[in-house]
C-alpha atoms as a PDB file:
ATOM      1  CA  MET A   1      -0.224   0.004  -0.043  1.00  0.00           C
ATOM      2  CA  PRO A   2       1.399   3.366  -0.936  1.00  0.00           C
ATOM      3  CA  LEU A   3       2.235   5.787   1.641  1.00  0.00           C
ATOM      4  CA  CYS A   4       2.237  10.340   1.413  1.00  0.00           C
ATOM      5  CA  GLN A   5       5.629  11.036   2.650  1.00  0.00           C
ATOM      6  CA  PHE A   6       4.409  13.515   4.008  1.00  0.00           C
ATOM      7  CA  CYS A   7       1.236  12.993   6.408  1.00  0.00           C
ATOM      8  CA  SER A   8       1.706   8.703   6.034  1.00  0.00           C
ATOM      9  CA  LYS A   9      -1.715   8.583   4.461  1.00  0.00           C
ATOM     10  CA  GLY A  10      -2.501   5.269   2.652  1.00  0.00           C
ATOM     11  CA  PHE A  11      -3.940   4.525  -0.704  1.00  0.00           C
ATOM     12  CA  GLU A  12      -5.048   1.971  -2.226  1.00  0.00           C
ATOM     13  CA  HIS A  13      -3.266   2.191  -5.619  1.00  0.00           C
ATOM     14  CA  SER A  14      -0.468   4.353  -6.335  1.00  0.00           C
ATOM     15  CA  ARG A  15      -2.573   6.957  -9.197  1.00  0.00           C
ATOM     16  CA  GLY A  16      -4.525   8.240  -5.345  1.00  0.00           C
ATOM     17  CA  LEU A  17      -0.858   9.264  -3.815  1.00  0.00           C
ATOM     18  CA  LYS A  18       0.301  11.001  -7.010  1.00  0.00           C
ATOM     19  CA  LEU A  19      -2.686  13.156  -6.707  1.00  0.00           C
ATOM     20  CA  HIS A  20      -2.536  13.015  -3.035  1.00  0.00           C
ATOM     21  CA  GLU A  21       1.199  14.282  -2.496  1.00  0.00           C
ATOM     22  CA  PRO A  22       1.185  17.710  -4.489  1.00  0.00           C
ATOM     23  CA  TYR A  23      -1.612  19.004  -2.548  1.00  0.00           C
ATOM     24  CA  CYS A  24      -1.122  17.276   1.145  1.00  0.00           C
ATOM     25  CA  GLU A  25      -1.500  19.858   3.875  1.00  0.00           C
ATOM     26  CA  GLN A  26       1.897  18.818   5.285  1.00  0.00           C
ATOM     27  CA  ASN A  27       3.933  19.096   2.080  1.00  0.00           C
ATOM     28  CA  PRO A  28       5.939  22.197   2.631  1.00  0.00           C
ATOM     29  CA  ASN A  29       5.862  22.811  -1.456  1.00  0.00           C
ATOM     30  CA  ARG A  30       2.329  22.261  -1.052  1.00  0.00           C
ATOM     31  CA  LEU A  31       0.483  23.425  -4.448  1.00  0.00           C
ATOM     32  CA  THR A  32      -2.909  25.487  -4.705  1.00  0.00           C
ATOM     33  CA  ALA A  33      -5.780  24.813  -7.337  1.00  0.00           C
ATOM     34  CA  LYS A  34      -6.991  28.427  -8.052  1.00  0.00           C
ATOM     35  CA  CYS A  35     -10.658  29.048  -9.963  1.00  0.00           C
ATOM     36  CA  LYS A  36      -9.754  30.127 -13.359  1.00  0.00           C
ATOM     37  CA  GLN A  37     -12.930  32.155 -13.260  1.00  0.00           C
ATOM     38  CA  CYS A  38     -12.761  34.017  -9.736  1.00  0.00           C
ATOM     39  CA  GLY A  39      -9.512  33.376  -8.680  1.00  0.00           C
ATOM     40  CA  ARG A  40     -10.370  31.524  -5.553  1.00  0.00           C
ATOM     41  CA  GLU A  41      -8.190  29.457  -4.119  1.00  0.00           C
ATOM     42  CA  PHE A  42      -8.580  25.079  -2.966  1.00  0.00           C
ATOM     43  CA  ALA A  43      -6.640  22.235  -1.719  1.00  0.00           C
ATOM     44  CA  ASN A  44      -7.091  20.744  -4.644  1.00  0.00           C
ATOM     45  CA  PRO A  45      -8.029  20.567  -8.743  1.00  0.00           C
ATOM     46  CA  GLN A  46     -11.317  18.294  -7.496  1.00  0.00           C
ATOM     47  CA  ALA A  47     -12.367  21.116  -5.628  1.00  0.00           C
ATOM     48  CA  VAL A  48     -12.091  23.524  -8.009  1.00  0.00           C
ATOM     49  CA  SER A  49     -14.031  21.311 -10.074  1.00  0.00           C
ATOM     50  CA  ALA A  50     -16.648  21.192  -7.750  1.00  0.00           C
ATOM     51  CA  HIS A  51     -16.553  24.685  -6.794  1.00  0.00           C
ATOM     52  CA  THR A  52     -17.179  25.691 -10.607  1.00  0.00           C
ATOM     53  CA  ARG A  53     -19.838  23.263 -11.269  1.00  0.00           C
ATOM     54  CA  HIS A  54     -21.835  25.164  -8.518  1.00  0.00           C
ATOM     55  CA  ALA A  55     -20.505  28.640  -8.102  1.00  0.00           C
ATOM     56  CA  HIS A  56     -20.050  29.271 -11.770  1.00  0.00           C
ATOM     57  CA  ARG A  57     -22.316  27.267 -13.734  1.00  0.00           C
ATOM     58  CA  PRO A  58     -24.635  28.711 -16.708  1.00  0.00           C
ATOM     59  CA  SER A  59     -28.080  29.483 -15.374  1.00  0.00           C
ATOM     60  CA  ASN A  60     -30.258  27.214 -16.989  1.00  0.00           C
ATOM     61  CA  LYS A  61     -33.261  29.803 -16.604  1.00  0.00           C
ATOM     62  CA  ILE A  62     -34.488  32.086 -18.804  1.00  0.00           C
ATOM     63  CA  THR A  63     -35.373  35.248 -17.081  1.00  0.00           C
ATOM     64  CA  LEU A  64     -38.370  37.577 -17.979  1.00  0.00           C
ATOM     65  CA  PRO A  65     -39.177  40.586 -17.234  1.00  0.00           C
ATOM     66  CA  LYS A  66     -41.705  41.024 -14.389  1.00  0.00           C
ATOM     67  CA  ALA A  67     -44.993  41.758 -15.812  1.00  0.00           C
ATOM     68  CA  LYS A  68     -46.804  45.165 -14.634  1.00  0.00           C
ATOM     69  CA  ARG A  69     -49.617  44.229 -12.827  1.00  0.00           C
ATOM     70  CA  LYS A  70     -52.958  45.961 -13.651  1.00  0.00           C
ATOM     71  CA  THR A  71     -54.128  48.510 -11.702  1.00  0.00           C
ATOM     72  CA  THR A  72     -57.352  49.171 -11.142  1.00  0.00           C
ATOM     73  CA  LYS A  73     -58.680  52.644 -10.718  1.00  0.00           C
ATOM     74  CA  PRO A  74     -61.141  53.048  -7.822  1.00  0.00           C
ATOM     75  CA  GLY A  75     -64.547  54.365  -9.235  1.00  0.00           C
ATOM     76  CA  PRO A  76     -67.486  52.406 -11.186  1.00  0.00           C
ATOM     77  CA  LYS A  77     -67.270  48.933 -12.927  1.00  0.00           C
ATOM     78  CA  PRO A  78     -67.071  48.535 -16.923  1.00  0.00           C
ATOM     79  CA  GLY A  79     -70.707  49.594 -18.361  1.00  0.00           C
ATOM     80  CA  PHE A  80     -70.982  51.707 -15.408  1.00  0.00           C
ATOM     81  CA  GLU A  81     -70.768  55.580 -14.873  1.00  0.00           C
ATOM     82  CA  GLN A  82     -70.200  57.733 -12.115  1.00  0.00           C
ATOM     83  CA  SER A  83     -72.702  60.185 -11.963  1.00  0.00           C
ATOM     84  CA  ALA A  84     -73.591  63.513 -10.156  1.00  0.00           C
ATOM     85  CA  ASN A  85     -73.881  62.216  -6.765  1.00  0.00           C
ATOM     86  CA  GLY A  86     -71.156  59.221  -6.979  1.00  0.00           C
ATOM     87  CA  VAL A  87     -74.014  56.704  -7.754  1.00  0.00           C
ATOM     88  CA  PRO A  88     -72.618  54.415  -9.877  1.00  0.00           C
ATOM     89  CA  THR A  89     -74.972  54.389 -12.830  1.00  0.00           C
ATOM     90  CA  LEU A  90     -75.727  51.580 -15.595  1.00  0.00           C
ATOM     91  CA  THR A  91     -74.907  53.379 -19.241  1.00  0.00           C
ATOM     92  CA  PHE A  92     -73.944  50.028 -21.530  1.00  0.00           C
ATOM     93  CA  CYS A  93     -76.446  46.696 -21.559  1.00  0.00           C
ATOM     94  CA  PRO A  94     -74.309  44.152 -20.026  1.00  0.00           C
ATOM     95  CA  CYS A  95     -76.044  41.599 -22.625  1.00  0.00           C
ATOM     96  CA  CYS A  96     -75.981  43.004 -25.784  1.00  0.00           C
ATOM     97  CA  GLY A  97     -73.588  46.359 -25.123  1.00  0.00           C
ATOM     98  CA  THR A  98     -76.659  48.977 -26.276  1.00  0.00           C
ATOM     99  CA  ASN A  99     -75.610  52.659 -25.050  1.00  0.00           C
ATOM    100  CA  LEU A 100     -78.112  53.176 -22.634  1.00  0.00           C
ATOM    101  CA  LYS A 101     -77.181  56.879 -22.659  1.00  0.00           C
ATOM    102  CA  LEU A 102     -78.896  57.247 -25.947  1.00  0.00           C
ATOM    103  CA  ILE A 103     -81.913  55.338 -24.900  1.00  0.00           C
ATOM    104  CA  ALA A 104     -82.263  57.308 -21.550  1.00  0.00           C
ATOM    105  CA  ALA A 105     -81.556  60.677 -24.012  1.00  0.00           C
ATOM    106  CA  ALA A 106     -84.088  59.934 -26.586  1.00  0.00           C
ATOM    107  CA  MET A 107     -86.775  58.893 -24.230  1.00  0.00           C
ATOM    108  CA  GLN A 108     -86.188  62.284 -21.965  1.00  0.00           C
ATOM    109  CA  ALA A 109     -86.535  63.987 -25.546  1.00  0.00           C
ATOM    110  CA  VAL A 110     -90.215  62.270 -25.716  1.00  0.00           C
ATOM    111  CA  GLY A 111     -90.903  62.655 -22.745  1.00  0.00           C
ATOM    112  CA  GLY A 112     -90.864  59.351 -21.522  1.00  0.00           C
ATOM    113  CA  LEU A 113     -87.831  59.781 -19.080  1.00  0.00           C
ATOM    114  CA  GLN A 114     -87.470  62.043 -15.743  1.00  0.00           C
END
């Protein structure tokens, strides 16, 4: 079993030892691995890879501008009109959309509505 010459950690395969020794905490000539995007230092290249995957991953989300909320002004509902005394008055027929103001004006003209 290969052992690290600095910390005596054992490895099952020599490849693991070769990867470990340059970055061993007790190695006086220890290497550090830097993130190419932000410059942050890590103990080993595997930590940089994990950091890059999580901290610098491209966003899969498409950010859309927030839709503006329709603000309804206080007042009468569609088809109604605020009368002089503050009481909403129906101006359009909700079924057929006929302008009731015209009918009311015509009836008033002939004296049928007061």
